[in-house]
Amino acid sequence: MNKCETILDSTLNLLASRGFHGFSIRDVAKDAGVATGTVYLYFEDRDDLIKKLHDQIIDTVGREVFVATGRELPLYQQFHQMCRNFWTLFKKQPAIILSKGQFDHLPPDMLRSRHEEARVVLEPLFTFFVRGRNERALKDLPDEILFSLAFEPYFEIARKSLHGFVTVDDEMLERIIRASWDSIAVHPTRQTADGR
């Protein structure tokens, strides 16, 4: 891992444990094991560091959840794989879950600009939604609403799982995937021809 990645990793961990206002550039440098000046070689200031961390998280989610999913699969199987990929990522990098709430409270202007950039990285997801609507398999709702219904609950369930409020074993995860599919599918029971 290079110094830039180490700094971003430390920022993510501090953000997850302390929140936006709970750490400084000096704290990041100390956690990363670098001089404070080294952080400024890679990032203009704290805001730039947080912006680039957000970009990295979106890129990671896009690559490991959506790009890694086979687009040639039937819709339900594609959805199932995305959900499984989400869960695997959350287990591998729990700090992403714990920091999500912090990013949700960024100023609206910053959220909108980040949102537009995220659409490029998350293109496979939006292609999935378009295909689903075209095939009349998914409800005729905007992408953002389909995402909120289908995938946003995983962040909250993962957070509760991390804090020990719920236990999600493999059987429970399958039930969650079916429930989230039902929230966006036109005919939920008919879309699971593979027996899931």
N, C-alpha and C. Protein backbone atom coordinates (compact mmCIF):
# COMPACT_ATOMS: atom_id res chain seq x y z
N MET A 1 0.85 -1.18 0.00
CA MET A 1 0.00 0.00 0.00
C MET A 1 0.89 1.25 0.00
N ASN A 2 0.65 2.19 -0.94
CA ASN A 2 1.46 3.39 -0.98
C ASN A 2 0.98 4.40 0.08
N LYS A 3 1.74 5.49 0.23
CA LYS A 3 1.43 6.44 1.31
C LYS A 3 0.05 7.08 1.14
N CYS A 4 -0.32 7.39 -0.10
CA CYS A 4 -1.63 7.99 -0.34
C CYS A 4 -2.74 7.04 0.11
N GLU A 5 -2.62 5.78 -0.26
CA GLU A 5 -3.64 4.79 0.14
C GLU A 5 -3.66 4.59 1.65
N THR A 6 -2.48 4.61 2.27
CA THR A 6 -2.39 4.47 3.73
C THR A 6 -3.10 5.63 4.42
N ILE A 7 -2.91 6.84 3.89
CA ILE A 7 -3.55 8.03 4.46
C ILE A 7 -5.06 7.94 4.31
N LEU A 8 -5.53 7.52 3.13
CA LEU A 8 -6.97 7.37 2.92
C LEU A 8 -7.55 6.29 3.83
N ASP A 9 -6.82 5.21 4.01
CA ASP A 9 -7.28 4.12 4.87
C ASP A 9 -7.39 4.61 6.32
N SER A 10 -6.41 5.36 6.78
CA SER A 10 -6.45 5.91 8.13
C SER A 10 -7.61 6.89 8.28
N THR A 11 -7.84 7.70 7.26
CA THR A 11 -8.95 8.65 7.31
C THR A 11 -10.28 7.92 7.43
N LEU A 12 -10.44 6.85 6.65
CA LEU A 12 -11.67 6.06 6.71
C LEU A 12 -11.89 5.49 8.12
N ASN A 13 -10.84 4.93 8.70
CA ASN A 13 -10.96 4.35 10.04
C ASN A 13 -11.28 5.40 11.09
N LEU A 14 -10.65 6.57 10.99
CA LEU A 14 -10.93 7.65 11.94
C LEU A 14 -12.34 8.20 11.75
N LEU A 15 -12.74 8.33 10.51
CA LEU A 15 -14.09 8.81 10.22
C LEU A 15 -15.13 7.84 10.79
N ALA A 16 -14.89 6.55 10.60
CA ALA A 16 -15.83 5.53 11.09
C ALA A 16 -15.91 5.53 12.62
N SER A 17 -14.79 5.79 13.28
CA SER A 17 -14.79 5.70 14.74
C SER A 17 -15.07 7.02 15.45
N ARG A 18 -14.75 8.16 14.79
CA ARG A 18 -14.88 9.45 15.47
C ARG A 18 -15.84 10.44 14.81
N GLY A 19 -16.20 10.19 13.55
CA GLY A 19 -17.05 11.15 12.84
C GLY A 19 -16.21 12.26 12.21
N PHE A 20 -16.84 13.09 11.38
CA PHE A 20 -16.14 14.14 10.65
C PHE A 20 -15.40 15.11 11.56
N HIS A 21 -16.01 15.44 12.69
CA HIS A 21 -15.44 16.49 13.54
C HIS A 21 -14.52 15.93 14.62
N GLY A 22 -14.27 14.63 14.57
CA GLY A 22 -13.50 14.00 15.64
C GLY A 22 -12.04 13.77 15.33
N PHE A 23 -11.55 14.29 14.20
CA PHE A 23 -10.14 14.08 13.88
C PHE A 23 -9.61 15.23 13.04
N SER A 24 -8.32 15.40 13.09
CA SER A 24 -7.63 16.45 12.33
C SER A 24 -6.64 15.80 11.37
N ILE A 25 -6.03 16.63 10.53
CA ILE A 25 -4.99 16.14 9.62
C ILE A 25 -3.85 15.53 10.45
N ARG A 26 -3.53 16.15 11.56
CA ARG A 26 -2.47 15.61 12.43
C ARG A 26 -2.82 14.21 12.92
N ASP A 27 -4.10 14.01 13.29
CA ASP A 27 -4.55 12.67 13.74
C ASP A 27 -4.40 11.65 12.61
N VAL A 28 -4.76 12.07 11.40
CA VAL A 28 -4.64 11.18 10.24
C VAL A 28 -3.18 10.79 10.03
N ALA A 29 -2.30 11.79 10.08
CA ALA A 29 -0.88 11.54 9.88
C ALA A 29 -0.34 10.57 10.93
N LYS A 30 -0.72 10.79 12.17
CA LYS A 30 -0.25 9.92 13.25
C LYS A 30 -0.73 8.49 13.04
N ASP A 31 -2.02 8.33 12.70
CA ASP A 31 -2.58 7.00 12.48
C ASP A 31 -1.93 6.31 11.29
N ALA A 32 -1.60 7.10 10.27
CA ALA A 32 -1.00 6.54 9.05
C ALA A 32 0.50 6.31 9.19
N GLY A 33 1.09 6.86 10.26
CA GLY A 33 2.52 6.69 10.47
C GLY A 33 3.37 7.53 9.53
N VAL A 34 2.84 8.71 9.18
CA VAL A 34 3.58 9.63 8.30
C VAL A 34 3.64 11.01 8.96
N ALA A 35 4.53 11.85 8.44
CA ALA A 35 4.60 13.23 8.94
C ALA A 35 3.36 14.00 8.46
N THR A 36 2.94 14.99 9.24
CA THR A 36 1.78 15.79 8.87
C THR A 36 1.97 16.42 7.48
N GLY A 37 3.18 16.88 7.21
CA GLY A 37 3.47 17.49 5.91
C GLY A 37 3.28 16.53 4.75
N THR A 38 3.47 15.24 5.02
CA THR A 38 3.29 14.24 3.96
C THR A 38 1.84 14.19 3.49
N VAL A 39 0.90 14.37 4.42
CA VAL A 39 -0.51 14.37 4.04
C VAL A 39 -0.77 15.48 3.03
N TYR A 40 -0.13 16.65 3.24
CA TYR A 40 -0.35 17.79 2.35
C TYR A 40 0.34 17.62 0.99
N LEU A 41 1.21 16.64 0.88
CA LEU A 41 1.78 16.34 -0.44
C LEU A 41 0.74 15.72 -1.37
N TYR A 42 -0.24 15.04 -0.76
CA TYR A 42 -1.25 14.32 -1.53
C TYR A 42 -2.62 15.00 -1.54
N PHE A 43 -2.89 15.81 -0.51
CA PHE A 43 -4.22 16.41 -0.36
C PHE A 43 -4.07 17.89 0.00
N GLU A 44 -4.90 18.73 -0.62
CA GLU A 44 -4.82 20.16 -0.39
C GLU A 44 -5.13 20.52 1.06
N ASP A 45 -6.19 19.92 1.58
CA ASP A 45 -6.62 20.21 2.94
C ASP A 45 -7.54 19.08 3.40
N ARG A 46 -8.15 19.25 4.55
CA ARG A 46 -9.02 18.21 5.11
C ARG A 46 -10.22 17.93 4.20
N ASP A 47 -10.81 18.98 3.64
CA ASP A 47 -11.97 18.80 2.75
C ASP A 47 -11.59 18.00 1.51
N ASP A 48 -10.41 18.28 0.96
CA ASP A 48 -9.94 17.54 -0.21
C ASP A 48 -9.72 16.07 0.15
N LEU A 49 -9.19 15.84 1.34
CA LEU A 49 -8.96 14.46 1.82
C LEU A 49 -10.28 13.71 1.92
N ILE A 50 -11.29 14.35 2.50
CA ILE A 50 -12.61 13.71 2.66
C ILE A 50 -13.26 13.49 1.31
N LYS A 51 -13.13 14.45 0.41
CA LYS A 51 -13.70 14.30 -0.94
C LYS A 51 -13.06 13.11 -1.66
N LYS A 52 -11.75 13.01 -1.57
CA LYS A 52 -11.06 11.91 -2.27
C LYS A 52 -11.35 10.56 -1.61
N LEU A 53 -11.55 10.57 -0.30
CA LEU A 53 -11.95 9.33 0.38
C LEU A 53 -13.33 8.89 -0.11
N HIS A 54 -14.24 9.85 -0.24
CA HIS A 54 -15.58 9.53 -0.72
C HIS A 54 -15.51 8.95 -2.13
N ASP A 55 -14.69 9.57 -2.98
CA ASP A 55 -14.51 9.06 -4.34
C ASP A 55 -13.98 7.62 -4.32
N GLN A 56 -13.01 7.37 -3.44
CA GLN A 56 -12.43 6.03 -3.35
C GLN A 56 -13.47 5.00 -2.90
N ILE A 57 -14.31 5.37 -1.94
CA ILE A 57 -15.35 4.45 -1.46
C ILE A 57 -16.33 4.12 -2.58
N ILE A 58 -16.78 5.16 -3.29
CA ILE A 58 -17.72 4.94 -4.40
C ILE A 58 -17.08 4.04 -5.47
N ASP A 59 -15.81 4.30 -5.76
CA ASP A 59 -15.10 3.48 -6.74
C ASP A 59 -15.00 2.03 -6.27
N THR A 60 -14.72 1.83 -5.00
CA THR A 60 -14.62 0.48 -4.44
C THR A 60 -15.96 -0.24 -4.53
N VAL A 61 -17.02 0.44 -4.12
CA VAL A 61 -18.36 -0.16 -4.19
C VAL A 61 -18.72 -0.48 -5.64
N GLY A 62 -18.48 0.47 -6.54
CA GLY A 62 -18.78 0.24 -7.95
C GLY A 62 -18.04 -0.95 -8.51
N ARG A 63 -16.74 -1.03 -8.21
CA ARG A 63 -15.91 -2.10 -8.76
C ARG A 63 -16.23 -3.46 -8.15
N GLU A 64 -16.37 -3.52 -6.83
CA GLU A 64 -16.53 -4.81 -6.15
C GLU A 64 -17.97 -5.31 -6.09
N VAL A 65 -18.92 -4.39 -6.25
CA VAL A 65 -20.32 -4.81 -6.18
C VAL A 65 -20.94 -4.91 -7.56
N PHE A 66 -20.82 -3.86 -8.36
CA PHE A 66 -21.57 -3.80 -9.61
C PHE A 66 -20.76 -4.25 -10.82
N VAL A 67 -19.52 -3.77 -10.95
CA VAL A 67 -18.71 -4.19 -12.09
C VAL A 67 -18.41 -5.68 -12.02
N ALA A 68 -18.29 -6.20 -10.80
CA ALA A 68 -17.96 -7.61 -10.60
C ALA A 68 -19.15 -8.54 -10.87
N THR A 69 -20.31 -7.97 -11.15
CA THR A 69 -21.51 -8.76 -11.37
C THR A 69 -21.69 -9.03 -12.87
N GLY A 70 -21.98 -10.27 -13.22
CA GLY A 70 -22.17 -10.64 -14.62
C GLY A 70 -23.42 -10.03 -15.22
N ARG A 71 -23.26 -9.18 -16.22
CA ARG A 71 -24.41 -8.50 -16.82
C ARG A 71 -25.24 -9.42 -17.70
N GLU A 72 -24.68 -10.56 -18.07
CA GLU A 72 -25.41 -11.48 -18.94
C GLU A 72 -26.37 -12.36 -18.15
N LEU A 73 -26.30 -12.33 -16.84
CA LEU A 73 -27.16 -13.18 -16.00
C LEU A 73 -28.62 -12.74 -16.08
N PRO A 74 -29.56 -13.66 -15.83
CA PRO A 74 -30.96 -13.25 -15.67
C PRO A 74 -31.05 -12.21 -14.55
N LEU A 75 -32.06 -11.35 -14.62
CA LEU A 75 -32.13 -10.21 -13.71
C LEU A 75 -32.06 -10.60 -12.23
N TYR A 76 -32.84 -11.58 -11.84
CA TYR A 76 -32.82 -11.92 -10.41
C TYR A 76 -31.44 -12.44 -9.99
N GLN A 77 -30.82 -13.25 -10.82
CA GLN A 77 -29.49 -13.76 -10.47
C GLN A 77 -28.47 -12.63 -10.40
N GLN A 78 -28.62 -11.67 -11.30
CA GLN A 78 -27.73 -10.50 -11.28
C GLN A 78 -27.93 -9.72 -9.98
N PHE A 79 -29.19 -9.51 -9.62
CA PHE A 79 -29.51 -8.80 -8.38
C PHE A 79 -28.96 -9.56 -7.17
N HIS A 80 -29.17 -10.86 -7.18
CA HIS A 80 -28.70 -11.72 -6.08
C HIS A 80 -27.19 -11.59 -5.91
N GLN A 81 -26.47 -11.59 -7.03
CA GLN A 81 -25.01 -11.48 -6.97
C GLN A 81 -24.60 -10.10 -6.44
N MET A 82 -25.29 -9.04 -6.88
CA MET A 82 -24.98 -7.70 -6.37
C MET A 82 -25.14 -7.64 -4.86
N CYS A 83 -26.24 -8.18 -4.37
CA CYS A 83 -26.50 -8.16 -2.93
C CYS A 83 -25.44 -8.94 -2.17
N ARG A 84 -25.07 -10.09 -2.69
CA ARG A 84 -24.01 -10.90 -2.08
C ARG A 84 -22.68 -10.14 -2.10
N ASN A 85 -22.40 -9.47 -3.21
CA ASN A 85 -21.18 -8.68 -3.30
C ASN A 85 -21.16 -7.56 -2.28
N PHE A 86 -22.32 -6.89 -2.12
CA PHE A 86 -22.46 -5.84 -1.11
C PHE A 86 -22.08 -6.41 0.26
N TRP A 87 -22.69 -7.52 0.60
CA TRP A 87 -22.50 -8.08 1.94
C TRP A 87 -21.05 -8.50 2.16
N THR A 88 -20.44 -9.08 1.15
CA THR A 88 -19.03 -9.47 1.24
C THR A 88 -18.14 -8.26 1.47
N LEU A 89 -18.42 -7.18 0.74
CA LEU A 89 -17.64 -5.95 0.90
C LEU A 89 -17.80 -5.39 2.30
N PHE A 90 -19.02 -5.38 2.81
CA PHE A 90 -19.27 -4.84 4.14
C PHE A 90 -18.52 -5.63 5.21
N LYS A 91 -18.49 -6.94 5.04
CA LYS A 91 -17.79 -7.77 6.02
C LYS A 91 -16.28 -7.56 5.93
N LYS A 92 -15.80 -7.33 4.71
CA LYS A 92 -14.36 -7.15 4.49
C LYS A 92 -13.89 -5.76 4.94
N GLN A 93 -14.76 -4.75 4.73
CA GLN A 93 -14.39 -3.37 5.06
C GLN A 93 -15.51 -2.70 5.87
N PRO A 94 -15.66 -3.09 7.13
CA PRO A 94 -16.76 -2.55 7.94
C PRO A 94 -16.71 -1.03 8.13
N ALA A 95 -15.53 -0.43 8.00
CA ALA A 95 -15.43 1.02 8.18
C ALA A 95 -16.24 1.77 7.12
N ILE A 96 -16.45 1.15 5.95
CA ILE A 96 -17.28 1.78 4.92
C ILE A 96 -18.70 1.97 5.45
N ILE A 97 -19.22 0.95 6.12
CA ILE A 97 -20.56 1.03 6.68
C ILE A 97 -20.63 2.06 7.79
N LEU A 98 -19.65 2.02 8.67
CA LEU A 98 -19.67 2.91 9.83
C LEU A 98 -19.46 4.37 9.45
N SER A 99 -18.89 4.63 8.27
CA SER A 99 -18.67 6.01 7.86
C SER A 99 -19.79 6.55 6.96
N LYS A 100 -20.66 5.66 6.48
CA LYS A 100 -21.68 6.08 5.51
C LYS A 100 -22.56 7.21 6.03
N GLY A 101 -22.98 7.08 7.27
CA GLY A 101 -23.85 8.11 7.86
C GLY A 101 -23.20 9.49 7.86
N GLN A 102 -21.87 9.52 8.01
CA GLN A 102 -21.15 10.79 7.98
C GLN A 102 -21.27 11.44 6.60
N PHE A 103 -21.08 10.64 5.55
CA PHE A 103 -21.17 11.19 4.20
C PHE A 103 -22.59 11.63 3.86
N ASP A 104 -23.58 10.94 4.42
CA ASP A 104 -24.97 11.31 4.16
C ASP A 104 -25.31 12.70 4.68
N HIS A 105 -24.50 13.21 5.61
CA HIS A 105 -24.77 14.52 6.21
C HIS A 105 -23.87 15.62 5.67
N LEU A 106 -23.23 15.36 4.54
CA LEU A 106 -22.47 16.42 3.88
C LEU A 106 -23.43 17.50 3.39
N PRO A 107 -22.93 18.73 3.15
CA PRO A 107 -23.80 19.79 2.61
C PRO A 107 -24.44 19.35 1.29
N PRO A 108 -25.71 19.74 1.06
CA PRO A 108 -26.43 19.31 -0.15
C PRO A 108 -25.69 19.57 -1.46
N ASP A 109 -25.02 20.72 -1.59
CA ASP A 109 -24.30 21.03 -2.83
C ASP A 109 -23.19 20.02 -3.08
N MET A 110 -22.47 19.67 -2.02
CA MET A 110 -21.39 18.70 -2.16
C MET A 110 -21.95 17.32 -2.49
N LEU A 111 -23.06 16.96 -1.86
CA LEU A 111 -23.69 15.67 -2.13
C LEU A 111 -24.12 15.57 -3.58
N ARG A 112 -24.71 16.65 -4.12
CA ARG A 112 -25.17 16.64 -5.50
C ARG A 112 -24.01 16.47 -6.47
N SER A 113 -22.90 17.19 -6.22
CA SER A 113 -21.76 17.09 -7.14
C SER A 113 -21.13 15.69 -7.06
N ARG A 114 -21.04 15.13 -5.87
CA ARG A 114 -20.49 13.79 -5.70
C ARG A 114 -21.41 12.77 -6.36
N HIS A 115 -22.72 13.04 -6.27
CA HIS A 115 -23.71 12.13 -6.82
C HIS A 115 -23.56 12.00 -8.33
N GLU A 116 -23.35 13.11 -9.01
CA GLU A 116 -23.20 13.09 -10.47
C GLU A 116 -21.96 12.31 -10.88
N GLU A 117 -20.87 12.51 -10.14
CA GLU A 117 -19.64 11.78 -10.44
C GLU A 117 -19.82 10.29 -10.17
N ALA A 118 -20.59 9.95 -9.13
CA ALA A 118 -20.80 8.54 -8.76
C ALA A 118 -21.56 7.80 -9.85
N ARG A 119 -22.45 8.49 -10.56
CA ARG A 119 -23.25 7.82 -11.60
C ARG A 119 -22.36 7.18 -12.67
N VAL A 120 -21.22 7.79 -12.94
CA VAL A 120 -20.31 7.23 -13.95
C VAL A 120 -19.74 5.91 -13.45
N VAL A 121 -19.30 5.88 -12.20
CA VAL A 121 -18.70 4.68 -11.62
C VAL A 121 -19.74 3.57 -11.45
N LEU A 122 -20.97 3.98 -11.15
CA LEU A 122 -22.03 3.01 -10.87
C LEU A 122 -22.87 2.67 -12.10
N GLU A 123 -22.32 2.95 -13.28
CA GLU A 123 -23.05 2.72 -14.54
C GLU A 123 -23.64 1.32 -14.65
N PRO A 124 -22.93 0.25 -14.25
CA PRO A 124 -23.54 -1.09 -14.37
C PRO A 124 -24.84 -1.23 -13.58
N LEU A 125 -24.93 -0.55 -12.46
CA LEU A 125 -26.16 -0.59 -11.66
C LEU A 125 -27.30 0.07 -12.42
N PHE A 126 -27.04 1.24 -12.99
CA PHE A 126 -28.11 1.95 -13.69
C PHE A 126 -28.50 1.23 -14.98
N THR A 127 -27.55 0.54 -15.59
CA THR A 127 -27.87 -0.30 -16.75
C THR A 127 -28.81 -1.44 -16.33
N PHE A 128 -28.55 -2.00 -15.16
CA PHE A 128 -29.41 -3.05 -14.60
C PHE A 128 -30.83 -2.52 -14.41
N PHE A 129 -30.96 -1.31 -13.86
CA PHE A 129 -32.29 -0.73 -13.65
C PHE A 129 -33.00 -0.50 -14.98
N VAL A 130 -32.29 0.02 -15.97
CA VAL A 130 -32.89 0.27 -17.29
C VAL A 130 -33.36 -1.04 -17.90
N ARG A 131 -32.52 -2.04 -17.84
CA ARG A 131 -32.89 -3.36 -18.39
C ARG A 131 -34.13 -3.90 -17.68
N GLY A 132 -34.15 -3.78 -16.36
CA GLY A 132 -35.28 -4.29 -15.58
C GLY A 132 -36.59 -3.60 -15.93
N ARG A 133 -36.52 -2.28 -16.12
CA ARG A 133 -37.74 -1.55 -16.50
C ARG A 133 -38.15 -1.92 -17.93
N ASN A 134 -37.18 -2.01 -18.83
CA ASN A 134 -37.48 -2.36 -20.23
C ASN A 134 -38.13 -3.74 -20.34
N GLU A 135 -37.67 -4.67 -19.50
CA GLU A 135 -38.22 -6.02 -19.53
C GLU A 135 -39.49 -6.13 -18.67
N ARG A 136 -39.91 -5.02 -18.10
CA ARG A 136 -41.08 -4.96 -17.22
C ARG A 136 -40.96 -5.94 -16.04
N ALA A 137 -39.71 -6.15 -15.62
CA ALA A 137 -39.46 -7.00 -14.46
C ALA A 137 -39.34 -6.16 -13.20
N LEU A 138 -38.87 -4.90 -13.37
CA LEU A 138 -38.74 -3.99 -12.23
C LEU A 138 -39.81 -2.92 -12.31
N LYS A 139 -40.21 -2.42 -11.15
CA LYS A 139 -41.21 -1.37 -11.09
C LYS A 139 -40.73 -0.14 -11.83
N ASP A 140 -41.67 0.57 -12.43
CA ASP A 140 -41.35 1.75 -13.22
C ASP A 140 -41.13 2.93 -12.27
N LEU A 141 -39.98 2.91 -11.62
CA LEU A 141 -39.61 3.95 -10.66
C LEU A 141 -38.24 4.50 -11.06
N PRO A 142 -37.94 5.75 -10.69
CA PRO A 142 -36.61 6.31 -11.01
C PRO A 142 -35.48 5.50 -10.37
N ASP A 143 -34.31 5.58 -10.97
CA ASP A 143 -33.15 4.85 -10.47
C ASP A 143 -32.91 5.08 -8.98
N GLU A 144 -32.99 6.32 -8.57
CA GLU A 144 -32.68 6.64 -7.17
C GLU A 144 -33.63 5.95 -6.20
N ILE A 145 -34.90 5.83 -6.60
CA ILE A 145 -35.88 5.18 -5.72
C ILE A 145 -35.64 3.67 -5.73
N LEU A 146 -35.35 3.11 -6.90
CA LEU A 146 -35.04 1.68 -6.96
C LEU A 146 -33.82 1.36 -6.09
N PHE A 147 -32.80 2.22 -6.16
CA PHE A 147 -31.61 2.00 -5.34
C PHE A 147 -31.96 2.07 -3.85
N SER A 148 -32.76 3.07 -3.48
CA SER A 148 -33.13 3.23 -2.07
C SER A 148 -33.92 2.04 -1.55
N LEU A 149 -34.82 1.53 -2.37
CA LEU A 149 -35.62 0.37 -1.96
C LEU A 149 -34.80 -0.91 -1.90
N ALA A 150 -33.94 -1.10 -2.91
CA ALA A 150 -33.25 -2.38 -3.05
C ALA A 150 -31.96 -2.48 -2.26
N PHE A 151 -31.18 -1.41 -2.22
CA PHE A 151 -29.82 -1.53 -1.67
C PHE A 151 -29.56 -0.73 -0.40
N GLU A 152 -30.23 0.40 -0.22
CA GLU A 152 -29.98 1.19 1.00
C GLU A 152 -30.20 0.37 2.27
N PRO A 153 -31.21 -0.50 2.34
CA PRO A 153 -31.40 -1.27 3.58
C PRO A 153 -30.18 -2.09 3.99
N TYR A 154 -29.36 -2.50 3.03
CA TYR A 154 -28.18 -3.30 3.37
C TYR A 154 -27.20 -2.52 4.25
N PHE A 155 -27.09 -1.21 4.02
CA PHE A 155 -26.21 -0.41 4.85
C PHE A 155 -26.67 -0.43 6.30
N GLU A 156 -27.96 -0.25 6.49
CA GLU A 156 -28.50 -0.23 7.86
C GLU A 156 -28.44 -1.61 8.51
N ILE A 157 -28.76 -2.64 7.75
CA ILE A 157 -28.70 -4.00 8.30
C ILE A 157 -27.25 -4.34 8.66
N ALA A 158 -26.31 -3.96 7.80
CA ALA A 158 -24.89 -4.23 8.07
C ALA A 158 -24.44 -3.47 9.32
N ARG A 159 -24.88 -2.22 9.46
CA ARG A 159 -24.51 -1.44 10.65
C ARG A 159 -25.04 -2.11 11.92
N LYS A 160 -26.30 -2.55 11.87
CA LYS A 160 -26.89 -3.22 13.03
C LYS A 160 -26.18 -4.54 13.32
N SER A 161 -25.77 -5.22 12.26
CA SER A 161 -25.03 -6.46 12.42
C SER A 161 -23.67 -6.20 13.08
N LEU A 162 -22.99 -5.15 12.64
CA LEU A 162 -21.69 -4.81 13.21
C LEU A 162 -21.78 -4.47 14.69
N HIS A 163 -22.89 -3.85 15.08
CA HIS A 163 -23.08 -3.46 16.48
C HIS A 163 -23.71 -4.57 17.32
N GLY A 164 -23.98 -5.71 16.68
CA GLY A 164 -24.50 -6.84 17.42
C GLY A 164 -26.00 -6.82 17.69
N PHE A 165 -26.74 -5.96 16.99
CA PHE A 165 -28.19 -5.87 17.20
C PHE A 165 -28.94 -6.96 16.43
N VAL A 166 -28.37 -7.42 15.33
CA VAL A 166 -28.97 -8.51 14.56
C VAL A 166 -27.87 -9.48 14.14
N THR A 167 -28.26 -10.71 13.91
CA THR A 167 -27.33 -11.72 13.41
C THR A 167 -27.78 -12.11 12.01
N VAL A 168 -26.87 -11.98 11.07
CA VAL A 168 -27.19 -12.32 9.68
C VAL A 168 -26.32 -13.49 9.25
N ASP A 169 -26.92 -14.68 9.29
CA ASP A 169 -26.22 -15.85 8.76
C ASP A 169 -26.61 -16.01 7.30
N ASP A 170 -26.14 -17.08 6.67
CA ASP A 170 -26.38 -17.26 5.24
C ASP A 170 -27.87 -17.38 4.92
N GLU A 171 -28.62 -18.10 5.75
CA GLU A 171 -30.05 -18.26 5.52
C GLU A 171 -30.78 -16.93 5.65
N MET A 172 -30.39 -16.14 6.67
CA MET A 172 -31.02 -14.83 6.84
C MET A 172 -30.68 -13.91 5.68
N LEU A 173 -29.45 -13.97 5.20
CA LEU A 173 -29.07 -13.12 4.06
C LEU A 173 -29.91 -13.46 2.84
N GLU A 174 -30.17 -14.74 2.61
CA GLU A 174 -31.03 -15.14 1.49
C GLU A 174 -32.42 -14.56 1.64
N ARG A 175 -32.95 -14.57 2.85
CA ARG A 175 -34.30 -14.01 3.10
C ARG A 175 -34.30 -12.50 2.87
N ILE A 176 -33.22 -11.84 3.27
CA ILE A 176 -33.09 -10.39 3.07
C ILE A 176 -33.03 -10.07 1.57
N ILE A 177 -32.26 -10.86 0.84
CA ILE A 177 -32.15 -10.63 -0.61
C ILE A 177 -33.52 -10.78 -1.28
N ARG A 178 -34.25 -11.81 -0.90
CA ARG A 178 -35.59 -11.99 -1.49
C ARG A 178 -36.51 -10.82 -1.14
N ALA A 179 -36.45 -10.36 0.10
CA ALA A 179 -37.31 -9.24 0.53
C ALA A 179 -36.95 -7.97 -0.23
N SER A 180 -35.65 -7.73 -0.43
CA SER A 180 -35.26 -6.51 -1.15
C SER A 180 -35.63 -6.62 -2.63
N TRP A 181 -35.55 -7.83 -3.19
CA TRP A 181 -36.01 -8.03 -4.57
C TRP A 181 -37.51 -7.75 -4.67
N ASP A 182 -38.26 -8.26 -3.71
CA ASP A 182 -39.71 -8.05 -3.72
C ASP A 182 -40.07 -6.57 -3.71
N SER A 183 -39.21 -5.74 -3.12
CA SER A 183 -39.51 -4.31 -3.03
C SER A 183 -39.42 -3.61 -4.38
N ILE A 184 -38.69 -4.20 -5.34
CA ILE A 184 -38.52 -3.53 -6.64
C ILE A 184 -39.11 -4.32 -7.81
N ALA A 185 -39.41 -5.60 -7.60
CA ALA A 185 -39.89 -6.44 -8.71
C ALA A 185 -41.37 -6.24 -8.97
N VAL A 186 -41.75 -6.29 -10.23
CA VAL A 186 -43.17 -6.17 -10.60
C VAL A 186 -43.93 -7.42 -10.13
N HIS A 187 -43.37 -8.58 -10.43
CA HIS A 187 -43.97 -9.86 -10.03
C HIS A 187 -42.92 -10.65 -9.26
N PRO A 188 -42.76 -10.37 -7.97
CA PRO A 188 -41.66 -10.97 -7.21
C PRO A 188 -41.56 -12.48 -7.34
N THR A 189 -42.65 -13.20 -7.21
CA THR A 189 -42.57 -14.67 -7.19
C THR A 189 -42.25 -15.23 -8.57
N ARG A 190 -42.63 -14.53 -9.64
CA ARG A 190 -42.38 -15.04 -10.99
C ARG A 190 -40.95 -14.77 -11.44
N GLN A 191 -40.24 -13.88 -10.76
CA GLN A 191 -38.88 -13.53 -11.20
C GLN A 191 -37.83 -14.47 -10.62
N THR A 192 -38.24 -15.42 -9.80
CA THR A 192 -37.26 -16.29 -9.15
C THR A 192 -37.36 -17.70 -9.70
N ALA A 193 -37.32 -17.81 -11.01
CA ALA A 193 -37.46 -19.11 -11.67
C ALA A 193 -36.34 -20.08 -11.32
N ASP A 194 -35.24 -19.55 -10.79
CA ASP A 194 -34.15 -20.44 -10.43
C ASP A 194 -34.39 -21.10 -9.07
N GLY A 195 -35.58 -20.87 -8.50
CA GLY A 195 -35.94 -21.55 -7.24
C GLY A 195 -35.55 -20.79 -5.99
N ARG A 196 -34.95 -19.61 -6.13
CA ARG A 196 -34.56 -18.86 -4.95
C ARG A 196 -35.74 -18.13 -4.37
